[in-house]
C-alpha cells in the first residue's frame, strides 16, 4: 500500500488510514524512520499519522511532566522517566505515549503513560496500551485530566485519582498546567504540595 504523505496539505494535523496490514504499517514506519515530525499509531488495521506536533501540545506535555516529577521528588517517590518510547504488540498495536514513568522500579513496561490530545483521532488510545498491561493511562485534553486504571479483568476504568498518587488531586495539576509561566508554575506547585503533604 502506498500512502502519498507528501501530498497532504501542510496544515493537516492527523491522517487516518483504514485497512492497513501490520506489514504495510511496518513498511511505512521504516520509510519514516528518523523523521521526528511524524508520529505513527497503529491499532488493528487502523493507522494514524500525526503531522508536526504543535507548540501547545509540547508545552502541556513538558509542564505536566515537570509537575509530576516535582511531586514525586518532593514526596520521595522513586521514579524513572521513560519518555516517549514505542510500546508494541506485534501484529496488533503500536503506540508512542507523550511521556511515561516507572514508579519505584524500572520495569520493562512503564506504570504510567501520558497522552496529550490536541487533535483527536479515531484510535482508542487506551487500547494501544492494553496488550502490554500498562497500569495507568493519563489523558490531558481540553484542559481536563482523565486517568484510567487497568482493573483485574484487564479493562481500563476511569478513576478520580492515580493509584500511584492517591493524595494528588488532578485539579491541582490542571491549575498549574494552565499557569502562564512554566518555571513559576513548577515553583508554585511545589510550595502548594508542601502545604498539603
N, C-alpha and C. Protein backbone atom coordinates (compact mmCIF):
# COMPACT_ATOMS: atom_id res chain seq x y z
N UNK A 1 0.85 -1.18 0.00
CA UNK A 1 0.00 0.00 0.00
C UNK A 1 0.89 1.23 0.00
N UNK A 2 0.61 2.14 -0.88
CA UNK A 2 1.38 3.37 -0.97
C UNK A 2 0.54 4.53 -0.44
N UNK A 3 1.12 5.27 0.50
CA UNK A 3 0.42 6.42 1.07
C UNK A 3 1.24 7.66 0.74
N UNK A 4 0.72 8.54 -0.11
CA UNK A 4 1.48 9.72 -0.53
C UNK A 4 1.51 10.79 0.56
N UNK A 5 2.40 10.61 1.53
CA UNK A 5 2.45 11.53 2.67
C UNK A 5 2.75 12.96 2.23
N UNK A 6 3.57 13.11 1.21
CA UNK A 6 3.98 14.45 0.80
C UNK A 6 2.85 15.23 0.14
N UNK A 7 1.78 14.55 -0.27
CA UNK A 7 0.68 15.24 -0.92
C UNK A 7 -0.35 15.81 0.05
N UNK A 8 -0.23 15.49 1.33
CA UNK A 8 -1.18 16.05 2.29
C UNK A 8 -0.82 17.51 2.55
N UNK A 9 -1.81 18.36 2.70
CA UNK A 9 -1.52 19.77 2.95
C UNK A 9 -0.74 19.96 4.25
N UNK A 10 0.09 20.96 4.29
CA UNK A 10 0.96 21.18 5.45
C UNK A 10 0.18 21.42 6.73
N UNK A 11 -1.06 21.96 6.64
CA UNK A 11 -1.83 22.25 7.83
C UNK A 11 -2.48 21.00 8.43
N UNK A 12 -2.42 19.88 7.72
CA UNK A 12 -3.02 18.65 8.22
C UNK A 12 -2.32 18.23 9.50
N UNK A 13 -3.10 17.93 10.51
CA UNK A 13 -2.52 17.53 11.78
C UNK A 13 -2.62 16.03 12.01
N UNK A 14 -3.67 15.40 11.47
CA UNK A 14 -3.88 13.98 11.70
C UNK A 14 -4.53 13.35 10.49
N UNK A 15 -3.95 12.26 10.02
CA UNK A 15 -4.50 11.50 8.90
C UNK A 15 -4.76 10.09 9.40
N UNK A 16 -5.95 9.55 9.11
CA UNK A 16 -6.30 8.19 9.49
C UNK A 16 -6.50 7.36 8.23
N UNK A 17 -5.88 6.18 8.21
CA UNK A 17 -5.99 5.28 7.07
C UNK A 17 -6.48 3.92 7.59
N UNK A 18 -7.54 3.40 6.99
CA UNK A 18 -8.11 2.11 7.41
C UNK A 18 -7.56 0.97 6.56
N UNK A 19 -7.75 -0.24 7.04
CA UNK A 19 -7.39 -1.46 6.30
C UNK A 19 -5.90 -1.53 5.96
N UNK A 20 -5.08 -1.19 6.91
CA UNK A 20 -3.63 -1.26 6.73
C UNK A 20 -3.15 -2.52 7.45
N UNK A 21 -2.45 -3.38 6.74
CA UNK A 21 -1.93 -4.59 7.37
C UNK A 21 -0.74 -4.23 8.26
N UNK A 22 -0.39 -5.13 9.17
CA UNK A 22 0.77 -4.93 10.03
C UNK A 22 2.03 -4.76 9.19
N UNK A 23 2.15 -5.56 8.15
CA UNK A 23 3.34 -5.50 7.29
C UNK A 23 3.42 -4.14 6.58
N UNK A 24 2.27 -3.65 6.11
CA UNK A 24 2.25 -2.33 5.47
C UNK A 24 2.63 -1.24 6.47
N UNK A 25 2.10 -1.35 7.68
CA UNK A 25 2.43 -0.37 8.72
C UNK A 25 3.94 -0.37 9.00
N UNK A 26 4.52 -1.56 9.13
CA UNK A 26 5.95 -1.63 9.42
C UNK A 26 6.78 -1.06 8.27
N UNK A 27 6.31 -1.25 7.04
CA UNK A 27 7.00 -0.67 5.88
C UNK A 27 6.97 0.85 5.90
N UNK A 28 5.82 1.40 6.24
CA UNK A 28 5.69 2.87 6.35
C UNK A 28 6.58 3.38 7.48
N UNK A 29 6.60 2.65 8.59
CA UNK A 29 7.43 3.03 9.74
C UNK A 29 8.90 3.09 9.34
N UNK A 30 9.37 2.11 8.56
CA UNK A 30 10.76 2.10 8.11
C UNK A 30 11.05 3.31 7.22
N UNK A 31 10.11 3.63 6.32
CA UNK A 31 10.30 4.78 5.43
C UNK A 31 10.41 6.09 6.20
N UNK A 32 9.72 6.17 7.33
CA UNK A 32 9.70 7.42 8.11
C UNK A 32 10.69 7.41 9.27
N UNK A 33 11.50 6.36 9.38
CA UNK A 33 12.46 6.26 10.48
C UNK A 33 13.35 7.50 10.51
N UNK A 34 13.49 8.05 11.67
CA UNK A 34 14.32 9.24 11.83
C UNK A 34 13.58 10.55 11.60
N UNK A 35 12.35 10.48 11.12
CA UNK A 35 11.57 11.70 10.91
C UNK A 35 10.81 12.03 12.20
N UNK A 36 11.32 12.98 12.94
CA UNK A 36 10.73 13.32 14.24
C UNK A 36 9.47 14.17 14.11
N UNK A 37 9.17 14.60 12.89
CA UNK A 37 8.00 15.44 12.67
C UNK A 37 6.72 14.64 12.47
N UNK A 38 6.84 13.32 12.43
CA UNK A 38 5.68 12.46 12.19
C UNK A 38 5.63 11.38 13.27
N UNK A 39 4.44 11.15 13.80
CA UNK A 39 4.25 10.10 14.79
C UNK A 39 3.16 9.15 14.30
N UNK A 40 3.47 7.86 14.34
CA UNK A 40 2.54 6.84 13.88
C UNK A 40 1.93 6.08 15.05
N UNK A 41 0.65 5.75 14.91
CA UNK A 41 -0.04 4.86 15.84
C UNK A 41 -0.79 3.85 15.01
N UNK A 42 -0.83 2.60 15.49
CA UNK A 42 -1.49 1.53 14.75
C UNK A 42 -2.29 0.68 15.71
N UNK A 43 -3.55 0.39 15.33
CA UNK A 43 -4.39 -0.49 16.14
C UNK A 43 -5.30 -1.28 15.23
N UNK A 44 -5.04 -2.55 15.14
CA UNK A 44 -5.93 -3.49 14.46
C UNK A 44 -6.39 -3.01 13.08
N UNK A 45 -5.41 -2.64 12.24
CA UNK A 45 -5.72 -2.26 10.87
C UNK A 45 -5.93 -0.77 10.63
N UNK A 46 -5.97 0.02 11.69
CA UNK A 46 -6.14 1.47 11.56
C UNK A 46 -4.79 2.14 11.81
N UNK A 47 -4.37 2.98 10.89
CA UNK A 47 -3.12 3.72 11.01
C UNK A 47 -3.44 5.20 11.17
N UNK A 48 -2.85 5.82 12.18
CA UNK A 48 -2.93 7.27 12.34
C UNK A 48 -1.56 7.86 12.14
N UNK A 49 -1.52 8.90 11.33
CA UNK A 49 -0.28 9.62 11.05
C UNK A 49 -0.45 11.03 11.59
N UNK A 50 0.30 11.35 12.63
CA UNK A 50 0.25 12.67 13.24
C UNK A 50 1.34 13.52 12.62
N UNK A 51 0.93 14.65 12.05
CA UNK A 51 1.89 15.55 11.43
C UNK A 51 2.57 16.39 12.51
N UNK A 52 3.40 17.36 12.15
CA UNK A 52 4.18 18.07 13.16
C UNK A 52 3.37 18.47 14.38
N UNK A 53 3.93 18.13 15.53
CA UNK A 53 3.28 18.40 16.80
C UNK A 53 3.39 19.90 17.10
N UNK A 54 2.29 20.49 17.55
CA UNK A 54 2.26 21.92 17.78
C UNK A 54 2.84 22.34 19.12
N UNK A 55 3.01 23.64 19.26
CA UNK A 55 3.61 24.21 20.47
C UNK A 55 2.77 23.93 21.71
N UNK A 56 1.44 24.02 21.60
CA UNK A 56 0.56 23.77 22.74
C UNK A 56 0.75 22.36 23.28
N UNK A 57 0.79 21.40 22.37
CA UNK A 57 1.00 20.00 22.73
C UNK A 57 2.28 19.83 23.52
N UNK A 58 3.37 20.36 22.98
CA UNK A 58 4.68 20.21 23.64
C UNK A 58 4.73 20.91 24.99
N UNK A 59 4.12 22.09 25.07
CA UNK A 59 4.13 22.84 26.33
C UNK A 59 3.37 22.11 27.42
N UNK A 60 2.19 21.59 27.09
CA UNK A 60 1.40 20.85 28.08
C UNK A 60 2.15 19.59 28.51
N UNK A 61 2.70 18.87 27.55
CA UNK A 61 3.44 17.64 27.84
C UNK A 61 4.58 17.90 28.81
N UNK A 62 5.39 18.90 28.51
CA UNK A 62 6.56 19.17 29.36
C UNK A 62 6.13 19.69 30.73
N UNK A 63 5.14 20.59 30.77
CA UNK A 63 4.72 21.14 32.06
C UNK A 63 4.14 20.04 32.95
N UNK A 64 3.29 19.19 32.40
CA UNK A 64 2.73 18.09 33.19
C UNK A 64 3.85 17.17 33.68
N UNK A 65 4.80 16.89 32.82
CA UNK A 65 5.94 16.06 33.24
C UNK A 65 6.74 16.69 34.36
N UNK A 66 7.04 17.98 34.23
CA UNK A 66 7.78 18.68 35.29
C UNK A 66 7.01 18.67 36.62
N UNK A 67 5.71 18.87 36.54
CA UNK A 67 4.90 18.89 37.76
C UNK A 67 4.89 17.52 38.45
N UNK A 68 4.68 16.48 37.67
CA UNK A 68 4.68 15.13 38.25
C UNK A 68 6.04 14.79 38.85
N UNK A 69 7.09 15.14 38.15
CA UNK A 69 8.43 14.86 38.66
C UNK A 69 8.71 15.64 39.94
N UNK A 70 8.27 16.89 40.00
CA UNK A 70 8.43 17.69 41.22
C UNK A 70 7.67 17.04 42.38
N UNK A 71 6.46 16.58 42.10
CA UNK A 71 5.64 15.92 43.12
C UNK A 71 6.34 14.67 43.65
N UNK A 72 6.83 13.85 42.76
CA UNK A 72 7.49 12.60 43.18
C UNK A 72 8.76 12.89 43.95
N UNK A 73 9.53 13.86 43.51
CA UNK A 73 10.76 14.21 44.24
C UNK A 73 10.43 14.75 45.63
N UNK A 74 9.43 15.61 45.70
CA UNK A 74 9.05 16.22 46.98
C UNK A 74 8.59 15.17 47.98
N UNK A 75 7.88 14.14 47.50
CA UNK A 75 7.38 13.11 48.40
C UNK A 75 8.32 11.90 48.52
N UNK A 76 9.46 11.98 47.88
CA UNK A 76 10.43 10.89 47.98
C UNK A 76 9.97 9.61 47.28
N UNK A 77 9.20 9.78 46.23
CA UNK A 77 8.73 8.62 45.45
C UNK A 77 9.76 8.36 44.35
N UNK A 78 10.32 7.17 44.38
CA UNK A 78 11.33 6.81 43.39
C UNK A 78 10.64 6.64 42.03
N UNK A 79 11.22 7.23 40.97
CA UNK A 79 10.61 7.13 39.65
C UNK A 79 11.68 7.13 38.57
N UNK A 80 11.28 6.65 37.41
CA UNK A 80 12.15 6.62 36.25
C UNK A 80 11.37 7.18 35.07
N UNK A 81 11.81 8.32 34.56
CA UNK A 81 11.18 8.91 33.39
C UNK A 81 11.54 8.09 32.16
N UNK A 82 10.54 7.61 31.46
CA UNK A 82 10.79 6.72 30.32
C UNK A 82 10.60 7.44 28.99
N UNK A 83 10.02 8.65 29.03
CA UNK A 83 9.83 9.42 27.81
C UNK A 83 8.79 8.81 26.89
N UNK A 84 8.95 9.08 25.61
CA UNK A 84 8.00 8.59 24.62
C UNK A 84 8.62 7.50 23.78
N UNK A 85 8.67 6.28 24.31
CA UNK A 85 9.19 5.18 23.51
C UNK A 85 8.03 4.29 23.08
N UNK A 86 8.18 3.62 21.96
CA UNK A 86 7.08 2.86 21.37
C UNK A 86 6.81 1.58 22.13
N UNK A 87 5.53 1.38 22.46
CA UNK A 87 5.06 0.13 23.06
C UNK A 87 4.31 -0.62 21.97
N UNK A 88 4.68 -1.87 21.77
CA UNK A 88 4.17 -2.57 20.60
C UNK A 88 3.73 -3.99 20.93
N UNK A 89 2.61 -4.38 20.37
CA UNK A 89 2.14 -5.78 20.38
C UNK A 89 2.12 -6.19 18.91
N UNK A 90 3.16 -6.93 18.46
CA UNK A 90 3.30 -7.24 17.04
C UNK A 90 2.02 -7.80 16.41
N UNK A 91 1.69 -7.26 15.26
CA UNK A 91 0.52 -7.69 14.53
C UNK A 91 -0.77 -7.01 14.93
N UNK A 92 -0.74 -6.25 16.04
CA UNK A 92 -1.99 -5.68 16.56
C UNK A 92 -1.91 -4.19 16.89
N UNK A 93 -0.93 -3.80 17.71
CA UNK A 93 -0.91 -2.42 18.20
C UNK A 93 0.51 -1.88 18.32
N UNK A 94 0.62 -0.58 18.04
CA UNK A 94 1.88 0.13 18.22
C UNK A 94 1.54 1.58 18.56
N UNK A 95 2.03 2.05 19.68
CA UNK A 95 1.76 3.42 20.10
C UNK A 95 2.92 4.00 20.87
N UNK A 96 3.07 5.31 20.76
CA UNK A 96 4.13 6.03 21.45
C UNK A 96 3.50 7.09 22.32
N UNK A 97 3.53 6.92 23.64
CA UNK A 97 2.96 7.95 24.51
C UNK A 97 3.79 9.22 24.46
N UNK A 98 3.21 10.31 24.93
CA UNK A 98 3.96 11.56 25.01
C UNK A 98 4.99 11.52 26.13
N UNK A 99 4.63 10.84 27.20
CA UNK A 99 5.52 10.72 28.36
C UNK A 99 5.17 9.43 29.07
N UNK A 100 6.11 8.86 29.80
CA UNK A 100 5.83 7.66 30.57
C UNK A 100 6.78 7.58 31.76
N UNK A 101 6.30 6.89 32.79
CA UNK A 101 7.08 6.76 34.04
C UNK A 101 6.95 5.36 34.60
N UNK A 102 8.05 4.88 35.15
CA UNK A 102 8.03 3.69 36.01
C UNK A 102 8.13 4.19 37.44
N UNK A 103 7.32 3.63 38.32
CA UNK A 103 7.29 4.06 39.71
C UNK A 103 7.95 3.00 40.58
N UNK A 104 8.86 3.42 41.43
CA UNK A 104 9.62 2.59 42.37
C UNK A 104 10.69 1.74 41.71
N UNK A 105 10.36 0.96 40.70
CA UNK A 105 11.37 0.16 40.00
C UNK A 105 11.18 0.34 38.50
N UNK A 106 12.27 0.18 37.77
CA UNK A 106 12.22 0.34 36.31
C UNK A 106 11.91 -1.00 35.68
N UNK A 107 10.66 -1.20 35.31
CA UNK A 107 10.25 -2.43 34.66
C UNK A 107 10.30 -2.30 33.15
N UNK A 108 10.00 -3.40 32.47
CA UNK A 108 10.00 -3.39 31.00
C UNK A 108 8.88 -2.51 30.46
N UNK A 109 7.76 -2.48 31.19
CA UNK A 109 6.59 -1.69 30.80
C UNK A 109 6.42 -0.56 31.81
N UNK A 110 6.22 0.68 31.38
CA UNK A 110 6.02 1.76 32.34
C UNK A 110 4.72 1.59 33.12
N UNK A 111 4.67 2.21 34.30
CA UNK A 111 3.48 2.16 35.14
C UNK A 111 2.44 3.19 34.71
N UNK A 112 2.91 4.31 34.19
CA UNK A 112 2.02 5.39 33.76
C UNK A 112 2.44 5.84 32.38
N UNK A 113 1.48 5.94 31.46
CA UNK A 113 1.74 6.61 30.18
C UNK A 113 0.82 7.82 30.11
N UNK A 114 1.33 8.88 29.51
CA UNK A 114 0.58 10.13 29.40
C UNK A 114 0.40 10.48 27.94
N UNK A 115 -0.82 10.81 27.59
CA UNK A 115 -1.17 11.24 26.24
C UNK A 115 -1.75 12.65 26.31
N UNK A 116 -1.16 13.56 25.55
CA UNK A 116 -1.69 14.91 25.43
C UNK A 116 -2.43 14.96 24.10
N UNK A 117 -3.74 15.18 24.17
CA UNK A 117 -4.58 15.15 22.97
C UNK A 117 -4.99 16.58 22.61
N UNK A 118 -4.46 17.06 21.49
CA UNK A 118 -4.86 18.36 20.96
C UNK A 118 -5.77 18.13 19.75
N UNK A 119 -5.38 17.19 18.91
CA UNK A 119 -6.20 16.79 17.76
C UNK A 119 -6.60 15.34 17.95
N UNK A 120 -7.90 15.08 18.06
CA UNK A 120 -8.38 13.72 18.30
C UNK A 120 -8.37 12.90 17.03
N UNK A 121 -8.07 11.62 17.19
CA UNK A 121 -8.11 10.68 16.08
C UNK A 121 -9.21 9.65 16.31
N UNK A 122 -9.18 8.60 15.52
CA UNK A 122 -10.20 7.56 15.64
C UNK A 122 -9.75 6.40 16.51
N UNK A 123 -8.45 6.25 16.72
CA UNK A 123 -7.94 5.14 17.53
C UNK A 123 -8.24 5.40 19.00
N UNK A 124 -8.78 4.39 19.67
CA UNK A 124 -8.96 4.43 21.12
C UNK A 124 -7.58 4.20 21.74
N UNK A 125 -6.97 5.25 22.21
CA UNK A 125 -5.58 5.17 22.63
C UNK A 125 -5.37 4.29 23.87
N UNK A 126 -6.40 4.08 24.66
CA UNK A 126 -6.27 3.13 25.78
C UNK A 126 -5.97 1.73 25.25
N UNK A 127 -6.59 1.39 24.12
CA UNK A 127 -6.41 0.05 23.54
C UNK A 127 -4.96 -0.20 23.09
N UNK A 128 -4.23 0.88 22.78
CA UNK A 128 -2.83 0.72 22.38
C UNK A 128 -1.99 0.12 23.50
N UNK A 129 -2.36 0.42 24.74
CA UNK A 129 -1.52 0.03 25.88
C UNK A 129 -2.05 -1.18 26.64
N UNK A 130 -3.26 -1.59 26.30
CA UNK A 130 -3.87 -2.75 26.98
C UNK A 130 -3.06 -4.04 26.79
N UNK A 131 -2.57 -4.34 25.57
CA UNK A 131 -1.81 -5.59 25.40
C UNK A 131 -0.58 -5.66 26.30
N UNK A 132 0.02 -4.53 26.60
CA UNK A 132 1.21 -4.50 27.46
C UNK A 132 0.86 -4.38 28.94
N UNK A 133 -0.44 -4.27 29.23
CA UNK A 133 -0.93 -4.17 30.61
C UNK A 133 -0.31 -2.99 31.37
N UNK A 134 -0.26 -1.84 30.70
CA UNK A 134 0.21 -0.62 31.36
C UNK A 134 -0.82 -0.29 32.45
N UNK A 135 -0.40 -0.16 33.72
CA UNK A 135 -1.36 0.02 34.81
C UNK A 135 -2.23 1.27 34.71
N UNK A 136 -1.64 2.40 34.28
CA UNK A 136 -2.43 3.64 34.19
C UNK A 136 -2.14 4.38 32.90
N UNK A 137 -3.22 4.90 32.30
CA UNK A 137 -3.12 5.76 31.13
C UNK A 137 -3.77 7.09 31.50
N UNK A 138 -3.00 8.17 31.38
CA UNK A 138 -3.48 9.52 31.68
C UNK A 138 -3.67 10.28 30.36
N UNK A 139 -4.77 11.02 30.30
CA UNK A 139 -5.03 11.86 29.14
C UNK A 139 -5.22 13.30 29.60
N UNK A 140 -4.55 14.22 28.91
CA UNK A 140 -4.88 15.64 29.01
C UNK A 140 -5.56 16.00 27.71
N UNK A 141 -6.77 16.56 27.81
CA UNK A 141 -7.50 17.00 26.63
C UNK A 141 -8.44 18.12 27.05
N UNK A 142 -8.44 19.19 26.29
CA UNK A 142 -9.34 20.33 26.53
C UNK A 142 -9.31 20.78 27.99
N UNK A 143 -8.12 20.94 28.53
CA UNK A 143 -7.92 21.41 29.91
C UNK A 143 -8.57 20.49 30.94
N UNK A 144 -8.58 19.20 30.67
CA UNK A 144 -9.03 18.20 31.64
C UNK A 144 -8.01 17.08 31.69
N UNK A 145 -7.89 16.47 32.86
CA UNK A 145 -7.06 15.27 33.00
C UNK A 145 -8.00 14.12 33.34
N UNK A 146 -7.88 13.05 32.58
CA UNK A 146 -8.64 11.84 32.87
C UNK A 146 -7.64 10.71 33.08
N UNK A 147 -7.86 9.94 34.14
CA UNK A 147 -6.96 8.84 34.50
C UNK A 147 -7.73 7.54 34.38
N UNK A 148 -7.14 6.59 33.68
CA UNK A 148 -7.74 5.28 33.51
C UNK A 148 -6.79 4.24 34.11
N UNK A 149 -7.35 3.39 34.96
CA UNK A 149 -6.56 2.36 35.63
C UNK A 149 -7.01 0.98 35.15
N UNK A 150 -6.04 0.11 34.90
CA UNK A 150 -6.33 -1.25 34.46
C UNK A 150 -6.88 -2.04 35.63
N UNK A 151 -8.07 -2.62 35.46
CA UNK A 151 -8.67 -3.38 36.56
C UNK A 151 -8.32 -4.86 36.44
N UNK A 152 -8.82 -5.65 37.39
CA UNK A 152 -8.49 -7.07 37.46
C UNK A 152 -8.95 -7.84 36.23
N UNK A 153 -9.98 -7.36 35.55
CA UNK A 153 -10.46 -8.07 34.35
C UNK A 153 -9.74 -7.60 33.08
N UNK A 154 -8.71 -6.75 33.25
CA UNK A 154 -7.92 -6.33 32.10
C UNK A 154 -8.52 -5.21 31.28
N UNK A 155 -9.46 -4.47 31.87
CA UNK A 155 -10.09 -3.33 31.18
C UNK A 155 -9.70 -2.04 31.90
N UNK A 156 -9.65 -0.95 31.15
CA UNK A 156 -9.38 0.34 31.76
C UNK A 156 -10.67 0.96 32.25
N UNK A 157 -10.64 1.45 33.49
CA UNK A 157 -11.79 2.17 34.02
C UNK A 157 -11.31 3.52 34.54
N UNK A 158 -12.16 4.53 34.34
CA UNK A 158 -11.79 5.87 34.77
C UNK A 158 -11.83 5.95 36.29
N UNK A 159 -10.81 6.60 36.86
CA UNK A 159 -10.72 6.78 38.30
C UNK A 159 -10.52 8.27 38.59
N UNK A 160 -10.83 8.68 39.81
CA UNK A 160 -10.69 10.08 40.19
C UNK A 160 -9.24 10.47 40.45
N UNK A 161 -8.47 9.50 40.93
CA UNK A 161 -7.06 9.78 41.26
C UNK A 161 -6.20 8.58 40.89
N UNK A 162 -4.93 8.85 40.71
CA UNK A 162 -3.99 7.80 40.38
C UNK A 162 -3.82 6.85 41.56
N UNK A 163 -3.72 5.57 41.27
CA UNK A 163 -3.40 4.59 42.32
C UNK A 163 -1.99 4.77 42.84
N UNK A 164 -1.12 5.38 42.06
CA UNK A 164 0.26 5.63 42.48
C UNK A 164 0.38 6.89 43.32
N UNK A 165 -0.54 7.85 43.10
CA UNK A 165 -0.52 9.12 43.83
C UNK A 165 -1.91 9.42 44.38
N UNK A 166 -2.39 8.64 45.34
CA UNK A 166 -3.78 8.81 45.81
C UNK A 166 -4.06 10.17 46.44
N UNK A 167 -3.02 10.87 46.89
CA UNK A 167 -3.23 12.17 47.54
C UNK A 167 -3.09 13.35 46.58
N UNK A 168 -2.82 13.07 45.31
CA UNK A 168 -2.64 14.14 44.33
C UNK A 168 -3.94 14.35 43.56
N UNK A 169 -4.53 15.52 43.76
CA UNK A 169 -5.77 15.87 43.07
C UNK A 169 -5.42 16.35 41.65
N UNK A 170 -5.95 15.70 40.61
CA UNK A 170 -5.65 16.16 39.24
C UNK A 170 -6.04 17.62 38.99
N UNK A 171 -7.02 18.12 39.74
CA UNK A 171 -7.42 19.54 39.58
C UNK A 171 -6.26 20.46 39.95
N UNK A 172 -5.44 20.04 40.91
CA UNK A 172 -4.28 20.83 41.29
C UNK A 172 -3.27 20.87 40.15
N UNK A 173 -3.05 19.74 39.51
CA UNK A 173 -2.17 19.72 38.34
C UNK A 173 -2.67 20.65 37.25
N UNK A 174 -3.97 20.58 36.99
CA UNK A 174 -4.56 21.42 35.94
C UNK A 174 -4.35 22.90 36.21
N UNK A 175 -4.47 23.26 37.47
CA UNK A 175 -4.30 24.66 37.86
C UNK A 175 -2.92 25.17 37.43
N UNK A 176 -1.89 24.33 37.59
CA UNK A 176 -0.53 24.76 37.28
C UNK A 176 -0.13 24.50 35.84
N UNK A 177 -0.77 23.54 35.18
CA UNK A 177 -0.53 23.36 33.74
C UNK A 177 -0.97 24.61 32.99
N UNK A 178 -2.06 25.23 33.48
CA UNK A 178 -2.59 26.43 32.84
C UNK A 178 -1.88 27.72 33.22
N UNK A 179 -0.89 27.63 34.09
CA UNK A 179 -0.13 28.81 34.52
C UNK A 179 0.60 29.41 33.31
N UNK A 180 0.63 30.74 33.20
CA UNK A 180 1.27 31.35 32.02
C UNK A 180 2.78 31.18 31.95
N UNK A 181 3.43 30.87 33.08
CA UNK A 181 4.89 30.72 33.08
C UNK A 181 5.25 29.34 33.63
N UNK A 182 5.91 28.53 32.81
CA UNK A 182 6.22 27.15 33.19
C UNK A 182 7.12 27.07 34.43
N UNK A 183 8.15 27.89 34.49
CA UNK A 183 9.07 27.85 35.63
C UNK A 183 8.34 28.21 36.92
N UNK A 184 7.59 29.30 36.87
CA UNK A 184 6.83 29.72 38.05
C UNK A 184 5.78 28.68 38.43
N UNK A 185 5.19 28.04 37.43
CA UNK A 185 4.17 27.02 37.70
C UNK A 185 4.74 25.91 38.57
N UNK A 186 5.93 25.42 38.22
CA UNK A 186 6.54 24.33 38.99
C UNK A 186 6.91 24.80 40.39
N UNK A 187 7.49 25.99 40.49
CA UNK A 187 7.88 26.52 41.80
C UNK A 187 6.67 26.70 42.72
N UNK A 188 5.60 27.27 42.19
CA UNK A 188 4.39 27.49 42.99
C UNK A 188 3.69 26.17 43.33
N UNK A 189 3.73 25.22 42.41
CA UNK A 189 3.16 23.90 42.66
C UNK A 189 3.89 23.22 43.82
N UNK A 190 5.21 23.32 43.83
CA UNK A 190 5.98 22.71 44.92
C UNK A 190 5.62 23.34 46.26
N UNK A 191 5.43 24.65 46.29
CA UNK A 191 5.00 25.30 47.54
C UNK A 191 3.62 24.80 47.96
N UNK A 192 2.74 24.61 47.00
CA UNK A 192 1.38 24.14 47.31
C UNK A 192 1.39 22.73 47.87
N UNK A 193 2.21 21.83 47.28
CA UNK A 193 2.19 20.45 47.79
C UNK A 193 2.90 20.33 49.14
N UNK A 194 3.82 21.24 49.41
CA UNK A 194 4.45 21.23 50.74
C UNK A 194 3.44 21.58 51.82
N UNK A 195 2.49 22.44 51.48
CA UNK A 195 1.47 22.84 52.46
C UNK A 195 0.47 21.73 52.75
N UNK A 196 0.21 20.87 51.72
CA UNK A 196 -0.82 19.84 51.92
C UNK A 196 -0.23 18.48 52.28
N UNK A 197 1.10 18.31 52.16
CA UNK A 197 1.68 16.99 52.47
C UNK A 197 2.21 16.92 53.88
